[in-house]
Structure formats: structure tokens, C-alpha cells
Amino acid sequence: MTGDPIVCWELASHDEAKSAEFFRKVFDWEVPFDEKLGFYRVKSPGTPTCSRGLIFTLRQAKLPFLTLYIGVKDIDAKRRLVAEHGGFIVIEPFAIGDGERICLFNEPSGVTFAMIQEKSA
């Protein structure tokens, strides 16, 4: 397969502890609470490109959501392509620490995705 892979996901839940316990019991995933970050970090088995996830309780959004993160090498170039091809930039690229940058966008039908540019080596 070629192209940019999905590298991470996050679940905004009404009850993060209940959601974390669900994934532990049903899928036997390791889902420890990260005190430093304030949410659960999912260590799900799977492909190397999408083996991490996050679970947290809603704070700003009104409805639960699931976001898929697409790993990109140049987030600014991809941001331009999103806009050029009928997408909408929800949140402009911003740094999240440790050299990573994120950008949230809607594809043309309105579904929200995110891009993440990993720290450069």
C-alpha cells in the first residue's frame, strides 16, 4: 500500500473510564491511565502504523466522536491540498510538543479527520 497511513486514533467519550474498561474486557487491550496527560493511552495490538490510541472524556464537544490521525511528512503542504480539493480546515496546524504538529480538517462531506506530522529525525 502506498500513501499516508492512519497512525493514531482518539475517542472522546461521555465516560472515559467506562470506555477504557470496555476495550480492556472485550478486546484484551492494555489501556493504562496516563496521569501526566490526563487520559487513557491505548496500547492495542495491530499494525505498526495504527497501534496507539487515546480515550478521554468530552470537555468541549457536545457529542462523542472518534478521530483518525493520518501521518504526513509535510503538514503545511497537505493542509493546502485539503483546501484545494474541497476540504475545510477546522483547526490550522499547531504544535503539540516534542516536535509533532496536528491539523484537523473536514473532508468534503463534513466528516472530521486529523493529520499529524511526527517529530523530524
PDB file of N, CA and C in Angstrom:
ATOM      1  N   MET A   1       0.839  -1.181   0.000  1.00  0.00           N
ATOM      2  CA  MET A   1       0.000   0.000   0.000  1.00  0.00           C
ATOM      3  C   MET A   1       0.881   1.239   0.000  1.00  0.00           C
ATOM      4  N   THR A   2       0.485   2.226  -0.767  1.00  0.00           N
ATOM      5  CA  THR A   2       1.219   3.483  -0.785  1.00  0.00           C
ATOM      6  C   THR A   2       0.328   4.564  -0.197  1.00  0.00           C
ATOM      7  N   GLY A   3       0.893   5.715   0.052  1.00  0.00           N
ATOM      8  CA  GLY A   3       0.120   6.832   0.592  1.00  0.00           C
ATOM      9  C   GLY A   3       0.392   7.037   2.070  1.00  0.00           C
ATOM     10  N   ASP A   4      -0.293   7.999   2.633  1.00  0.00           N
ATOM     11  CA  ASP A   4      -0.121   8.351   4.044  1.00  0.00           C
ATOM     12  C   ASP A   4      -0.992   7.448   4.914  1.00  0.00           C
ATOM     13  N   PRO A   5      -0.417   6.773   5.923  1.00  0.00           N
ATOM     14  CA  PRO A   5      -1.162   5.822   6.745  1.00  0.00           C
ATOM     15  C   PRO A   5      -1.916   6.479   7.905  1.00  0.00           C
ATOM     16  N   ILE A   6      -2.919   5.781   8.422  1.00  0.00           N
ATOM     17  CA  ILE A   6      -3.556   6.176   9.676  1.00  0.00           C
ATOM     18  C   ILE A   6      -2.624   5.700  10.776  1.00  0.00           C
ATOM     19  N   VAL A   7      -2.202   6.607  11.650  1.00  0.00           N
ATOM     20  CA  VAL A   7      -1.186   6.277  12.648  1.00  0.00           C
ATOM     21  C   VAL A   7      -1.690   6.304  14.087  1.00  0.00           C
ATOM     22  N   CYS A   8      -2.851   6.902  14.308  1.00  0.00           N
ATOM     23  CA  CYS A   8      -3.349   7.040  15.671  1.00  0.00           C
ATOM     24  C   CYS A   8      -4.846   7.310  15.615  1.00  0.00           C
ATOM     25  N   TRP A   9      -5.529   7.089  16.731  1.00  0.00           N
ATOM     26  CA  TRP A   9      -6.946   7.436  16.832  1.00  0.00           C
ATOM     27  C   TRP A   9      -7.212   7.932  18.238  1.00  0.00           C
ATOM     28  N   GLU A  10      -8.314   8.679  18.392  1.00  0.00           N
ATOM     29  CA  GLU A  10      -8.718   9.119  19.731  1.00  0.00           C
ATOM     30  C   GLU A  10     -10.230   9.040  19.838  1.00  0.00           C
ATOM     31  N   LEU A  11     -10.691   8.642  21.008  1.00  0.00           N
ATOM     32  CA  LEU A  11     -12.112   8.502  21.288  1.00  0.00           C
ATOM     33  C   LEU A  11     -12.494   9.473  22.391  1.00  0.00           C
ATOM     34  N   ALA A  12     -13.394  10.403  22.093  1.00  0.00           N
ATOM     35  CA  ALA A  12     -13.940  11.307  23.104  1.00  0.00           C
ATOM     36  C   ALA A  12     -15.247  10.681  23.577  1.00  0.00           C
ATOM     37  N   SER A  13     -15.304  10.334  24.822  1.00  0.00           N
ATOM     38  CA  SER A  13     -16.396   9.559  25.393  1.00  0.00           C
ATOM     39  C   SER A  13     -17.112  10.360  26.474  1.00  0.00           C
ATOM     40  N   HIS A  14     -18.332   9.940  26.798  1.00  0.00           N
ATOM     41  CA  HIS A  14     -19.031  10.552  27.937  1.00  0.00           C
ATOM     42  C   HIS A  14     -18.432  10.053  29.256  1.00  0.00           C
ATOM     43  N   ASP A  15     -17.759   8.888  29.227  1.00  0.00           N
ATOM     44  CA  ASP A  15     -17.192   8.290  30.431  1.00  0.00           C
ATOM     45  C   ASP A  15     -15.921   7.533  30.044  1.00  0.00           C
ATOM     46  N   GLU A  16     -14.786   8.203  30.148  1.00  0.00           N
ATOM     47  CA  GLU A  16     -13.531   7.614  29.692  1.00  0.00           C
ATOM     48  C   GLU A  16     -13.183   6.320  30.413  1.00  0.00           C
ATOM     49  N   ALA A  17     -13.435   6.249  31.719  1.00  0.00           N
ATOM     50  CA  ALA A  17     -13.113   5.038  32.484  1.00  0.00           C
ATOM     51  C   ALA A  17     -13.954   3.856  32.004  1.00  0.00           C
ATOM     52  N   LYS A  18     -15.218   4.093  31.753  1.00  0.00           N
ATOM     53  CA  LYS A  18     -16.105   3.031  31.275  1.00  0.00           C
ATOM     54  C   LYS A  18     -15.681   2.567  29.878  1.00  0.00           C
ATOM     55  N   SER A  19     -15.340   3.509  29.002  1.00  0.00           N
ATOM     56  CA  SER A  19     -14.883   3.153  27.659  1.00  0.00           C
ATOM     57  C   SER A  19     -13.579   2.369  27.724  1.00  0.00           C
ATOM     58  N   ALA A  20     -12.650   2.803  28.562  1.00  0.00           N
ATOM     59  CA  ALA A  20     -11.367   2.108  28.701  1.00  0.00           C
ATOM     60  C   ALA A  20     -11.593   0.677  29.189  1.00  0.00           C
ATOM     61  N   GLU A  21     -12.445   0.505  30.173  1.00  0.00           N
ATOM     62  CA  GLU A  21     -12.735  -0.831  30.701  1.00  0.00           C
ATOM     63  C   GLU A  21     -13.380  -1.719  29.635  1.00  0.00           C
ATOM     64  N   PHE A  22     -14.238  -1.156  28.802  1.00  0.00           N
ATOM     65  CA  PHE A  22     -14.866  -1.890  27.710  1.00  0.00           C
ATOM     66  C   PHE A  22     -13.808  -2.488  26.786  1.00  0.00           C
ATOM     67  N   PHE A  23     -12.848  -1.675  26.351  1.00  0.00           N
ATOM     68  CA  PHE A  23     -11.824  -2.156  25.429  1.00  0.00           C
ATOM     69  C   PHE A  23     -10.885  -3.162  26.090  1.00  0.00           C
ATOM     70  N   ARG A  24     -10.657  -3.006  27.401  1.00  0.00           N
ATOM     71  CA  ARG A  24      -9.855  -3.988  28.126  1.00  0.00           C
ATOM     72  C   ARG A  24     -10.546  -5.348  28.124  1.00  0.00           C
ATOM     73  N   LYS A  25     -11.824  -5.338  28.502  1.00  0.00           N
ATOM     74  CA  LYS A  25     -12.561  -6.598  28.667  1.00  0.00           C
ATOM     75  C   LYS A  25     -12.919  -7.259  27.343  1.00  0.00           C
ATOM     76  N   VAL A  26     -13.318  -6.487  26.352  1.00  0.00           N
ATOM     77  CA  VAL A  26     -13.781  -7.071  25.097  1.00  0.00           C
ATOM     78  C   VAL A  26     -12.619  -7.464  24.194  1.00  0.00           C
ATOM     79  N   PHE A  27     -11.595  -6.614  24.094  1.00  0.00           N
ATOM     80  CA  PHE A  27     -10.514  -6.851  23.138  1.00  0.00           C
ATOM     81  C   PHE A  27      -9.168  -7.182  23.777  1.00  0.00           C
ATOM     82  N   ASP A  28      -9.136  -7.222  25.108  1.00  0.00           N
ATOM     83  CA  ASP A  28      -7.913  -7.550  25.837  1.00  0.00           C
ATOM     84  C   ASP A  28      -6.785  -6.565  25.532  1.00  0.00           C
ATOM     85  N   TRP A  29      -7.128  -5.281  25.387  1.00  0.00           N
ATOM     86  CA  TRP A  29      -6.135  -4.240  25.130  1.00  0.00           C
ATOM     87  C   TRP A  29      -5.568  -3.730  26.442  1.00  0.00           C
ATOM     88  N   GLU A  30      -4.354  -3.283  26.402  1.00  0.00           N
ATOM     89  CA  GLU A  30      -3.727  -2.617  27.538  1.00  0.00           C
ATOM     90  C   GLU A  30      -4.134  -1.147  27.462  1.00  0.00           C
ATOM     91  N   VAL A  31      -4.822  -0.641  28.512  1.00  0.00           N
ATOM     92  CA  VAL A  31      -5.355   0.728  28.482  1.00  0.00           C
ATOM     93  C   VAL A  31      -5.043   1.421  29.813  1.00  0.00           C
ATOM     94  N   PRO A  32      -3.784   1.794  30.048  1.00  0.00           N
ATOM     95  CA  PRO A  32      -3.434   2.470  31.300  1.00  0.00           C
ATOM     96  C   PRO A  32      -3.824   3.952  31.277  1.00  0.00           C
ATOM     97  N   PHE A  33      -4.095   4.490  32.470  1.00  0.00           N
ATOM     98  CA  PHE A  33      -4.372   5.924  32.584  1.00  0.00           C
ATOM     99  C   PHE A  33      -3.036   6.651  32.680  1.00  0.00           C
ATOM    100  N   ASP A  34      -2.857   7.671  31.872  1.00  0.00           N
ATOM    101  CA  ASP A  34      -1.633   8.459  31.859  1.00  0.00           C
ATOM    102  C   ASP A  34      -1.863   9.698  32.713  1.00  0.00           C
ATOM    103  N   GLU A  35      -1.330   9.692  33.927  1.00  0.00           N
ATOM    104  CA  GLU A  35      -1.521  10.801  34.871  1.00  0.00           C
ATOM    105  C   GLU A  35      -1.009  12.124  34.306  1.00  0.00           C
ATOM    106  N   LYS A  36       0.121  12.074  33.619  1.00  0.00           N
ATOM    107  CA  LYS A  36       0.731  13.289  33.077  1.00  0.00           C
ATOM    108  C   LYS A  36      -0.172  13.945  32.030  1.00  0.00           C
ATOM    109  N   LEU A  37      -0.749  13.127  31.130  1.00  0.00           N
ATOM    110  CA  LEU A  37      -1.587  13.662  30.061  1.00  0.00           C
ATOM    111  C   LEU A  37      -3.044  13.809  30.469  1.00  0.00           C
ATOM    112  N   GLY A  38      -3.479  13.037  31.449  1.00  0.00           N
ATOM    113  CA  GLY A  38      -4.852  13.146  31.928  1.00  0.00           C
ATOM    114  C   GLY A  38      -5.867  12.350  31.130  1.00  0.00           C
ATOM    115  N   PHE A  39      -5.416  11.330  30.384  1.00  0.00           N
ATOM    116  CA  PHE A  39      -6.337  10.463  29.674  1.00  0.00           C
ATOM    117  C   PHE A  39      -5.725   9.074  29.513  1.00  0.00           C
ATOM    118  N   TYR A  40      -6.516   8.148  29.020  1.00  0.00           N
ATOM    119  CA  TYR A  40      -6.063   6.777  28.821  1.00  0.00           C
ATOM    120  C   TYR A  40      -5.290   6.666  27.509  1.00  0.00           C
ATOM    121  N   ARG A  41      -4.206   5.915  27.541  1.00  0.00           N
ATOM    122  CA  ARG A  41      -3.408   5.659  26.344  1.00  0.00           C
ATOM    123  C   ARG A  41      -3.612   4.197  25.981  1.00  0.00           C
ATOM    124  N   VAL A  42      -4.150   3.969  24.828  1.00  0.00           N
ATOM    125  CA  VAL A  42      -4.460   2.612  24.397  1.00  0.00           C
ATOM    126  C   VAL A  42      -3.257   2.000  23.702  1.00  0.00           C
ATOM    127  N   LYS A  43      -2.889   0.819  24.162  1.00  0.00           N
ATOM    128  CA  LYS A  43      -1.793   0.084  23.534  1.00  0.00           C
ATOM    129  C   LYS A  43      -2.411  -1.150  22.888  1.00  0.00           C
ATOM    130  N   SER A  44      -3.107  -0.926  21.781  1.00  0.00           N
ATOM    131  CA  SER A  44      -3.785  -2.038  21.113  1.00  0.00           C
ATOM    132  C   SER A  44      -2.828  -2.760  20.188  1.00  0.00           C
ATOM    133  N   PRO A  45      -2.937  -4.060  20.150  1.00  0.00           N
ATOM    134  CA  PRO A  45      -2.110  -4.777  19.191  1.00  0.00           C
ATOM    135  C   PRO A  45      -2.607  -4.470  17.789  1.00  0.00           C
ATOM    136  N   GLY A  46      -1.768  -4.618  16.825  1.00  0.00           N
ATOM    137  CA  GLY A  46      -2.209  -4.342  15.464  1.00  0.00           C
ATOM    138  C   GLY A  46      -1.055  -3.981  14.568  1.00  0.00           C
ATOM    139  N   THR A  47      -1.386  -3.358  13.492  1.00  0.00           N
ATOM    140  CA  THR A  47      -0.351  -2.983  12.542  1.00  0.00           C
ATOM    141  C   THR A  47       0.534  -1.910  13.152  1.00  0.00           C
ATOM    142  N   PRO A  48       1.792  -1.885  12.773  1.00  0.00           N
ATOM    143  CA  PRO A  48       2.689  -0.870  13.317  1.00  0.00           C
ATOM    144  C   PRO A  48       2.230   0.552  13.008  1.00  0.00           C
ATOM    145  N   THR A  49       1.439   0.750  11.950  1.00  0.00           N
ATOM    146  CA  THR A  49       1.046   2.109  11.596  1.00  0.00           C
ATOM    147  C   THR A  49      -0.101   2.633  12.450  1.00  0.00           C
ATOM    148  N   CYS A  50      -0.879   1.767  13.077  1.00  0.00           N
ATOM    149  CA  CYS A  50      -2.014   2.258  13.870  1.00  0.00           C
ATOM    150  C   CYS A  50      -2.168   1.425  15.132  1.00  0.00           C
ATOM    151  N   SER A  51      -1.192   1.472  16.001  1.00  0.00           N
ATOM    152  CA  SER A  51      -1.222   0.655  17.205  1.00  0.00           C
ATOM    153  C   SER A  51      -1.394   1.481  18.474  1.00  0.00           C
ATOM    154  N   ARG A  52      -1.687   2.763  18.317  1.00  0.00           N
ATOM    155  CA  ARG A  52      -1.870   3.587  19.512  1.00  0.00           C
ATOM    156  C   ARG A  52      -3.173   4.356  19.421  1.00  0.00           C
ATOM    157  N   GLY A  53      -3.753   4.590  20.567  1.00  0.00           N
ATOM    158  CA  GLY A  53      -4.988   5.342  20.622  1.00  0.00           C
ATOM    159  C   GLY A  53      -5.110   6.047  21.952  1.00  0.00           C
ATOM    160  N   LEU A  54      -6.070   6.945  22.050  1.00  0.00           N
ATOM    161  CA  LEU A  54      -6.305   7.725  23.262  1.00  0.00           C
ATOM    162  C   LEU A  54      -7.788   7.692  23.570  1.00  0.00           C
ATOM    163  N   ILE A  55      -8.137   7.638  24.859  1.00  0.00           N
ATOM    164  CA  ILE A  55      -9.529   7.712  25.292  1.00  0.00           C
ATOM    165  C   ILE A  55      -9.615   8.788  26.362  1.00  0.00           C
ATOM    166  N   PHE A  56     -10.586   9.685  26.202  1.00  0.00           N
ATOM    167  CA  PHE A  56     -10.759  10.753  27.184  1.00  0.00           C
ATOM    168  C   PHE A  56     -12.225  11.145  27.256  1.00  0.00           C
ATOM    169  N   THR A  57     -12.575  11.895  28.291  1.00  0.00           N
ATOM    170  CA  THR A  57     -13.946  12.362  28.492  1.00  0.00           C
ATOM    171  C   THR A  57     -14.136  13.681  27.760  1.00  0.00           C
ATOM    172  N   LEU A  58     -15.301  13.831  27.158  1.00  0.00           N
ATOM    173  CA  LEU A  58     -15.640  15.067  26.451  1.00  0.00           C
ATOM    174  C   LEU A  58     -15.455  16.274  27.357  1.00  0.00           C
ATOM    175  N   ARG A  59     -14.905  17.322  26.808  1.00  0.00           N
ATOM    176  CA  ARG A  59     -14.780  18.562  27.566  1.00  0.00           C
ATOM    177  C   ARG A  59     -15.411  19.719  26.797  1.00  0.00           C
ATOM    178  N   GLN A  60     -15.144  19.803  25.503  1.00  0.00           N
ATOM    179  CA  GLN A  60     -15.673  20.911  24.715  1.00  0.00           C
ATOM    180  C   GLN A  60     -16.730  20.475  23.715  1.00  0.00           C
ATOM    181  N   ALA A  61     -16.574  19.308  23.120  1.00  0.00           N
ATOM    182  CA  ALA A  61     -17.535  18.838  22.122  1.00  0.00           C
ATOM    183  C   ALA A  61     -18.841  18.428  22.802  1.00  0.00           C
ATOM    184  N   LYS A  62     -19.931  18.518  22.071  1.00  0.00           N
ATOM    185  CA  LYS A  62     -21.234  18.167  22.622  1.00  0.00           C
ATOM    186  C   LYS A  62     -21.548  16.690  22.464  1.00  0.00           C
ATOM    187  N   LEU A  63     -21.008  16.064  21.427  1.00  0.00           N
ATOM    188  CA  LEU A  63     -21.280  14.651  21.159  1.00  0.00           C
ATOM    189  C   LEU A  63     -19.993  13.851  21.164  1.00  0.00           C
ATOM    190  N   PRO A  64     -20.050  12.573  21.525  1.00  0.00           N
ATOM    191  CA  PRO A  64     -18.854  11.741  21.434  1.00  0.00           C
ATOM    192  C   PRO A  64     -18.354  11.693  19.991  1.00  0.00           C
ATOM    193  N   PHE A  65     -17.060  11.466  19.835  1.00  0.00           N
ATOM    194  CA  PHE A  65     -16.501  11.379  18.485  1.00  0.00           C
ATOM    195  C   PHE A  65     -15.293  10.473  18.477  1.00  0.00           C
ATOM    196  N   LEU A  66     -14.942  10.026  17.274  1.00  0.00           N
ATOM    197  CA  LEU A  66     -13.745   9.245  17.025  1.00  0.00           C
ATOM    198  C   LEU A  66     -12.964   9.972  15.940  1.00  0.00           C
ATOM    199  N   THR A  67     -11.698  10.227  16.174  1.00  0.00           N
ATOM    200  CA  THR A  67     -10.868  10.895  15.180  1.00  0.00           C
ATOM    201  C   THR A  67      -9.758   9.957  14.741  1.00  0.00           C
ATOM    202  N   LEU A  68      -9.573   9.852  13.442  1.00  0.00           N
ATOM    203  CA  LEU A  68      -8.462   9.095  12.876  1.00  0.00           C
ATOM    204  C   LEU A  68      -7.368  10.079  12.490  1.00  0.00           C
ATOM    205  N   TYR A  69      -6.124   9.758  12.846  1.00  0.00           N
ATOM    206  CA  TYR A  69      -4.972  10.610  12.531  1.00  0.00           C
ATOM    207  C   TYR A  69      -4.193  10.016  11.371  1.00  0.00           C
ATOM    208  N   ILE A  70      -4.004  10.810  10.342  1.00  0.00           N
ATOM    209  CA  ILE A  70      -3.252  10.390   9.171  1.00  0.00           C
ATOM    210  C   ILE A  70      -1.843  10.955   9.298  1.00  0.00           C
ATOM    211  N   GLY A  71      -0.854  10.090   9.254  1.00  0.00           N
ATOM    212  CA  GLY A  71       0.540  10.519   9.360  1.00  0.00           C
ATOM    213  C   GLY A  71       1.010  11.123   8.052  1.00  0.00           C
ATOM    214  N   VAL A  72       1.552  12.339   8.114  1.00  0.00           N
ATOM    215  CA  VAL A  72       2.048  13.025   6.923  1.00  0.00           C
ATOM    216  C   VAL A  72       3.463  13.534   7.174  1.00  0.00           C
ATOM    217  N   LYS A  73       4.198  13.744   6.085  1.00  0.00           N
ATOM    218  CA  LYS A  73       5.564  14.255   6.211  1.00  0.00           C
ATOM    219  C   LYS A  73       5.612  15.779   6.213  1.00  0.00           C
ATOM    220  N   ASP A  74       4.679  16.433   5.506  1.00  0.00           N
ATOM    221  CA  ASP A  74       4.650  17.893   5.396  1.00  0.00           C
ATOM    222  C   ASP A  74       3.214  18.368   5.618  1.00  0.00           C
ATOM    223  N   ILE A  75       2.896  18.704   6.844  1.00  0.00           N
ATOM    224  CA  ILE A  75       1.521  19.046   7.206  1.00  0.00           C
ATOM    225  C   ILE A  75       1.039  20.327   6.516  1.00  0.00           C
ATOM    226  N   ASP A  76       1.934  21.263   6.261  1.00  0.00           N
ATOM    227  CA  ASP A  76       1.528  22.501   5.596  1.00  0.00           C
ATOM    228  C   ASP A  76       1.146  22.252   4.135  1.00  0.00           C
ATOM    229  N   ALA A  77       1.909  21.401   3.459  1.00  0.00           N
ATOM    230  CA  ALA A  77       1.585  21.052   2.072  1.00  0.00           C
ATOM    231  C   ALA A  77       0.263  20.290   2.009  1.00  0.00           C
ATOM    232  N   LYS A  78       0.051  19.358   2.939  1.00  0.00           N
ATOM    233  CA  LYS A  78      -1.201  18.592   2.958  1.00  0.00           C
ATOM    234  C   LYS A  78      -2.384  19.488   3.301  1.00  0.00           C
ATOM    235  N   ARG A  79      -2.168  20.472   4.171  1.00  0.00           N
ATOM    236  CA  ARG A  79      -3.226  21.429   4.523  1.00  0.00           C
ATOM    237  C   ARG A  79      -3.702  22.158   3.268  1.00  0.00           C
ATOM    238  N   ARG A  80      -2.748  22.570   2.436  1.00  0.00           N
ATOM    239  CA  ARG A  80      -3.103  23.255   1.184  1.00  0.00           C
ATOM    240  C   ARG A  80      -3.886  22.321   0.261  1.00  0.00           C
ATOM    241  N   LEU A  81      -3.472  21.058   0.190  1.00  0.00           N
ATOM    242  CA  LEU A  81      -4.173  20.093  -0.661  1.00  0.00           C
ATOM    243  C   LEU A  81      -5.598  19.835  -0.171  1.00  0.00           C
ATOM    244  N   VAL A  82      -5.785  19.772   1.132  1.00  0.00           N
ATOM    245  CA  VAL A  82      -7.130  19.593   1.689  1.00  0.00           C
ATOM    246  C   VAL A  82      -8.040  20.713   1.188  1.00  0.00           C
ATOM    247  N   ALA A  83      -7.588  21.957   1.328  1.00  0.00           N
ATOM    248  CA  ALA A  83      -8.383  23.114   0.907  1.00  0.00           C
ATOM    249  C   ALA A  83      -8.600  23.130  -0.607  1.00  0.00           C
ATOM    250  N   GLU A  84      -7.576  22.785  -1.373  1.00  0.00           N
ATOM    251  CA  GLU A  84      -7.677  22.786  -2.837  1.00  0.00           C
ATOM    252  C   GLU A  84      -8.652  21.747  -3.363  1.00  0.00           C
ATOM    253  N   HIS A  85      -8.859  20.677  -2.609  1.00  0.00           N
ATOM    254  CA  HIS A  85      -9.687  19.574  -3.088  1.00  0.00           C
ATOM    255  C   HIS A  85     -11.038  19.475  -2.375  1.00  0.00           C
ATOM    256  N   GLY A  86     -11.523  20.599  -1.880  1.00  0.00           N
ATOM    257  CA  GLY A  86     -12.877  20.650  -1.336  1.00  0.00           C
ATOM    258  C   GLY A  86     -13.026  20.370   0.139  1.00  0.00           C
ATOM    259  N   GLY A  87     -11.922  20.219   0.848  1.00  0.00           N
ATOM    260  CA  GLY A  87     -11.993  20.029   2.295  1.00  0.00           C
ATOM    261  C   GLY A  87     -12.057  21.363   3.011  1.00  0.00           C
ATOM    262  N   PHE A  88     -12.268  21.310   4.323  1.00  0.00           N
ATOM    263  CA  PHE A  88     -12.345  22.508   5.151  1.00  0.00           C
ATOM    264  C   PHE A  88     -11.410  22.344   6.336  1.00  0.00           C
ATOM    265  N   ILE A  89     -10.573  23.348   6.584  1.00  0.00           N
ATOM    266  CA  ILE A  89      -9.649  23.302   7.716  1.00  0.00           C
ATOM    267  C   ILE A  89     -10.406  23.715   8.977  1.00  0.00           C
ATOM    268  N   VAL A  90     -10.529  22.790   9.912  1.00  0.00           N
ATOM    269  CA  VAL A  90     -11.229  23.046  11.174  1.00  0.00           C
ATOM    270  C   VAL A  90     -10.283  23.744  12.150  1.00  0.00           C
ATOM    271  N   ILE A  91      -9.081  23.215  12.286  1.00  0.00           N
ATOM    272  CA  ILE A  91      -8.053  23.812  13.142  1.00  0.00           C
ATOM    273  C   ILE A  91      -6.743  23.799  12.359  1.00  0.00           C
ATOM    274  N   GLU A  92      -6.162  24.966  12.169  1.00  0.00           N
ATOM    275  CA  GLU A  92      -4.900  25.110  11.438  1.00  0.00           C
ATOM    276  C   GLU A  92      -3.802  24.296  12.131  1.00  0.00           C
ATOM    277  N   PRO A  93      -2.760  23.912  11.393  1.00  0.00           N
ATOM    278  CA  PRO A  93      -1.667  23.152  12.006  1.00  0.00           C
ATOM    279  C   PRO A  93      -1.097  23.872  13.231  1.00  0.00           C
ATOM    280  N   PHE A  94      -0.884  23.078  14.291  1.00  0.00           N
ATOM    281  CA  PHE A  94      -0.307  23.629  15.522  1.00  0.00           C
ATOM    282  C   PHE A  94       0.570  22.576  16.179  1.00  0.00           C
ATOM    283  N   ALA A  95       1.533  23.046  16.984  1.00  0.00           N
ATOM    284  CA  ALA A  95       2.475  22.156  17.663  1.00  0.00           C
ATOM    285  C   ALA A  95       1.826  21.573  18.916  1.00  0.00           C
ATOM    286  N   ILE A  96       2.109  20.282  19.158  1.00  0.00           N
ATOM    287  CA  ILE A  96       1.599  19.651  20.381  1.00  0.00           C
ATOM    288  C   ILE A  96       2.729  19.231  21.300  1.00  0.00           C
ATOM    289  N   GLY A  97       3.923  19.678  21.015  1.00  0.00           N
ATOM    290  CA  GLY A  97       5.060  19.345  21.858  1.00  0.00           C
ATOM    291  C   GLY A  97       5.873  18.228  21.250  1.00  0.00           C
ATOM    292  N   ASP A  98       7.112  18.172  21.629  1.00  0.00           N
ATOM    293  CA  ASP A  98       8.028  17.144  21.168  1.00  0.00           C
ATOM    294  C   ASP A  98       8.196  17.142  19.656  1.00  0.00           C
ATOM    295  N   GLY A  99       7.903  18.292  19.005  1.00  0.00           N
ATOM    296  CA  GLY A  99       8.113  18.411  17.573  1.00  0.00           C
ATOM    297  C   GLY A  99       6.977  17.930  16.696  1.00  0.00           C
ATOM    298  N   GLU A 100       5.902  17.404  17.281  1.00  0.00           N
ATOM    299  CA  GLU A 100       4.767  16.957  16.489  1.00  0.00           C
ATOM    300  C   GLU A 100       3.821  18.121  16.216  1.00  0.00           C
ATOM    301  N   ARG A 101       3.130  18.066  15.060  1.00  0.00           N
ATOM    302  CA  ARG A 101       2.139  19.075  14.708  1.00  0.00           C
ATOM    303  C   ARG A 101       0.865  18.370  14.260  1.00  0.00           C
ATOM    304  N   ILE A 102      -0.268  18.997  14.556  1.00  0.00           N
ATOM    305  CA  ILE A 102      -1.585  18.435  14.230  1.00  0.00           C
ATOM    306  C   ILE A 102      -2.389  19.467  13.463  1.00  0.00           C
ATOM    307  N   CYS A 103      -3.281  18.989  12.587  1.00  0.00           N
ATOM    308  CA  CYS A 103      -4.236  19.824  11.860  1.00  0.00           C
ATOM    309  C   CYS A 103      -5.533  19.025  11.752  1.00  0.00           C
ATOM    310  N   LEU A 104      -6.663  19.612  12.149  1.00  0.00           N
ATOM    311  CA  LEU A 104      -7.960  18.963  11.989  1.00  0.00           C
ATOM    312  C   LEU A 104      -8.648  19.524  10.763  1.00  0.00           C
ATOM    313  N   PHE A 105      -9.323  18.638  10.027  1.00  0.00           N
ATOM    314  CA  PHE A 105      -9.996  19.067   8.809  1.00  0.00           C
ATOM    315  C   PHE A 105     -11.235  18.226   8.556  1.00  0.00           C
ATOM    316  N   ASN A 106     -12.146  18.778   7.762  1.00  0.00           N
ATOM    317  CA  ASN A 106     -13.310  18.030   7.280  1.00  0.00           C
ATOM    318  C   ASN A 106     -13.040  17.656   5.839  1.00  0.00           C
ATOM    319  N   GLU A 107     -13.343  16.414   5.490  1.00  0.00           N
ATOM    320  CA  GLU A 107     -13.309  16.048   4.087  1.00  0.00           C
ATOM    321  C   GLU A 107     -14.586  16.622   3.466  1.00  0.00           C
ATOM    322  N   PRO A 108     -14.765  16.590   2.155  1.00  0.00           N
ATOM    323  CA  PRO A 108     -15.864  17.314   1.518  1.00  0.00           C
ATOM    324  C   PRO A 108     -17.275  17.036   2.054  1.00  0.00           C
ATOM    325  N   SER A 109     -17.541  15.838   2.583  1.00  0.00           N
ATOM    326  CA  SER A 109     -18.893  15.575   3.096  1.00  0.00           C
ATOM    327  C   SER A 109     -19.081  16.066   4.524  1.00  0.00           C
ATOM    328  N   GLY A 110     -18.002  16.541   5.168  1.00  0.00           N
ATOM    329  CA  GLY A 110     -18.114  17.105   6.513  1.00  0.00           C
ATOM    330  C   GLY A 110     -17.558  16.249   7.633  1.00  0.00           C
ATOM    331  N   VAL A 111     -17.075  15.059   7.333  1.00  0.00           N
ATOM    332  CA  VAL A 111     -16.519  14.191   8.376  1.00  0.00           C
ATOM    333  C   VAL A 111     -15.137  14.714   8.785  1.00  0.00           C
ATOM    334  N   THR A 112     -14.891  14.767  10.085  1.00  0.00           N
ATOM    335  CA  THR A 112     -13.639  15.303  10.613  1.00  0.00           C
ATOM    336  C   THR A 112     -12.564  14.229  10.706  1.00  0.00           C
ATOM    337  N   PHE A 113     -11.383  14.585  10.245  1.00  0.00           N
ATOM    338  CA  PHE A 113     -10.178  13.773  10.366  1.00  0.00           C
ATOM    339  C   PHE A 113      -9.086  14.678  10.921  1.00  0.00           C
ATOM    340  N   ALA A 114      -7.934  14.084  11.217  1.00  0.00           N
ATOM    341  CA  ALA A 114      -6.787  14.870  11.646  1.00  0.00           C
ATOM    342  C   ALA A 114      -5.547  14.369  10.927  1.00  0.00           C
ATOM    343  N   MET A 115      -4.584  15.276  10.765  1.00  0.00           N
ATOM    344  CA  MET A 115      -3.276  14.919  10.237  1.00  0.00           C
ATOM    345  C   MET A 115      -2.272  15.158  11.351  1.00  0.00           C
ATOM    346  N   ILE A 116      -1.251  14.322  11.376  1.00  0.00           N
ATOM    347  CA  ILE A 116      -0.177  14.519  12.347  1.00  0.00           C
ATOM    348  C   ILE A 116       1.162  14.390  11.629  1.00  0.00           C
ATOM    349  N   GLN A 117       2.016  15.365  11.879  1.00  0.00           N
ATOM    350  CA  GLN A 117       3.382  15.315  11.365  1.00  0.00           C
ATOM    351  C   GLN A 117       4.266  14.996  12.551  1.00  0.00           C
ATOM    352  N   GLU A 118       4.864  13.819  12.498  1.00  0.00           N
ATOM    353  CA  GLU A 118       5.734  13.370  13.585  1.00  0.00           C
ATOM    354  C   GLU A 118       6.978  14.238  13.669  1.00  0.00           C
ATOM    355  N   LYS A 119       7.633  14.173  14.803  1.00  0.00           N
ATOM    356  CA  LYS A 119       8.881  14.905  15.007  1.00  0.00           C
ATOM    357  C   LYS A 119       9.900  14.481  13.960  1.00  0.00           C
ATOM    358  N   SER A 120      10.580  15.463  13.351  1.00  0.00           N
ATOM    359  CA  SER A 120      11.606  15.118  12.364  1.00  0.00           C
ATOM    360  C   SER A 120      12.821  14.549  13.059  1.00  0.00           C
ATOM    361  N   ALA A 121      13.427  13.610  12.363  1.00  0.00           N
ATOM    362  CA  ALA A 121      14.599  12.920  12.947  1.00  0.00           C
ATOM    363  C   ALA A 121      15.819  13.794  12.942  1.00  0.00           C
TER     364      ALA A 121
END
